[in-house]
Amino acid sequence: MFGFIWWILIGFLAGGIARFLVPGRQPLGCLTTTALGLVGSLVGGFISSLLFGYDPRGSAVHASGLLMSTLGAWIVLALVRRLARDRSDI
């Protein structure tokens, strides 16, 4: 149970930091920010496994977990904003 709460907390922190790093207004609530962070964790974990070669299925908490989660959330948020901007040009 504590692991699930930890995931939610890291997801919220990573999503919040990513929203802070991307300029402009993002109309996201707390749940969407947490979802952004959780998706960013998946993206960041995938990038980490490609770069550093560790097994992402391991249950250990890594020191770079929040960093890579934030990086992944930043990438996801930047892509979503880019796609939304391109779509509005149509």
Protein backbone atom coordinates (compact mmCIF):
# COMPACT_ATOMS: atom_id res chain seq x y z
CA MET A 1 0.00 0.00 0.00
CA PHE A 2 2.81 2.42 0.82
CA GLY A 3 4.38 1.77 -2.60
CA PHE A 4 1.20 2.90 -4.33
CA ILE A 5 1.08 6.09 -2.26
CA TRP A 6 4.76 6.68 -3.07
CA TRP A 7 4.02 6.36 -6.81
CA ILE A 8 1.21 8.90 -6.52
CA LEU A 9 3.40 11.32 -4.56
CA ILE A 10 6.33 11.06 -6.99
CA GLY A 11 3.92 11.40 -9.93
CA PHE A 12 2.41 14.57 -8.48
CA LEU A 13 5.84 16.07 -7.73
CA ALA A 14 7.25 15.20 -11.16
CA GLY A 15 4.15 16.55 -12.93
CA GLY A 16 4.24 19.75 -10.87
CA ILE A 17 7.92 20.35 -11.54
CA ALA A 18 7.42 19.66 -15.26
CA ARG A 19 4.53 22.14 -15.36
CA PHE A 20 6.79 24.71 -13.70
CA LEU A 21 9.56 24.12 -16.26
CA VAL A 22 7.37 24.40 -19.36
CA PRO A 23 6.56 28.05 -20.04
CA GLY A 24 2.99 29.16 -20.48
CA ARG A 25 -0.28 28.29 -18.81
CA GLN A 26 -1.30 24.66 -18.47
CA PRO A 27 -4.94 24.26 -17.40
CA LEU A 28 -4.35 21.02 -15.48
CA GLY A 29 -5.84 20.00 -12.17
CA CYS A 30 -4.26 17.89 -9.44
CA LEU A 31 -5.37 14.56 -10.95
CA THR A 32 -4.15 15.48 -14.42
CA THR A 33 -0.84 16.71 -13.00
CA THR A 34 -0.45 13.40 -11.16
CA ALA A 35 -1.31 11.46 -14.34
CA LEU A 36 1.25 13.55 -16.23
CA GLY A 37 3.88 12.64 -13.65
CA LEU A 38 2.98 8.94 -13.76
CA VAL A 39 3.20 8.85 -17.56
CA GLY A 40 6.44 10.82 -17.26
CA SER A 41 7.73 8.15 -14.88
CA LEU A 42 7.13 5.51 -17.52
CA VAL A 43 8.85 7.60 -20.20
CA GLY A 44 11.72 8.48 -17.85
CA GLY A 45 12.13 4.85 -16.80
CA PHE A 46 12.26 3.76 -20.43
CA ILE A 47 14.89 6.40 -21.24
CA SER A 48 16.85 5.42 -18.14
CA SER A 49 16.83 1.75 -19.06
CA LEU A 50 18.07 2.60 -22.55
CA LEU A 51 20.84 4.89 -21.32
CA PHE A 52 22.00 3.09 -18.20
CA GLY A 53 20.95 -0.49 -18.93
CA TYR A 54 19.24 -1.34 -15.65
CA ASP A 55 16.14 -3.49 -15.39
CA PRO A 56 13.11 -1.18 -15.00
CA ARG A 57 11.09 -4.00 -13.44
CA GLY A 58 13.17 -3.79 -10.28
CA SER A 59 11.23 -2.50 -7.32
CA ALA A 60 14.06 -0.50 -5.77
CA VAL A 61 13.69 3.25 -5.54
CA HIS A 62 16.52 4.87 -7.46
CA ALA A 63 18.06 8.24 -6.70
CA SER A 64 17.36 9.35 -10.25
CA GLY A 65 13.68 8.36 -10.01
CA LEU A 66 12.30 11.84 -9.44
CA LEU A 67 14.77 13.35 -11.90
CA MET A 68 13.92 10.94 -14.71
CA SER A 69 10.20 11.13 -13.90
CA THR A 70 10.37 14.91 -14.18
CA LEU A 71 12.32 14.69 -17.43
CA GLY A 72 9.77 12.24 -18.84
CA ALA A 73 6.85 14.43 -17.71
CA TRP A 74 8.54 17.47 -19.26
CA ILE A 75 8.89 15.59 -22.57
CA VAL A 76 5.25 14.44 -22.49
CA LEU A 77 3.95 17.91 -21.62
CA ALA A 78 6.07 19.56 -24.33
CA LEU A 79 4.80 17.05 -26.92
CA VAL A 80 1.17 17.52 -25.89
CA ARG A 81 1.50 21.31 -26.06
CA ARG A 82 3.19 21.05 -29.45
CA LEU A 83 0.49 18.76 -30.83
CA ALA A 84 -2.26 21.02 -29.45
CA ARG A 85 -0.64 24.07 -31.04
CA ASP A 86 -0.26 22.29 -34.41
CA ARG A 87 -3.87 21.11 -34.24
CA SER A 88 -5.14 24.65 -33.59
CA ASP A 89 -3.45 25.86 -36.79
CA ILE A 90 -5.80 23.73 -38.92
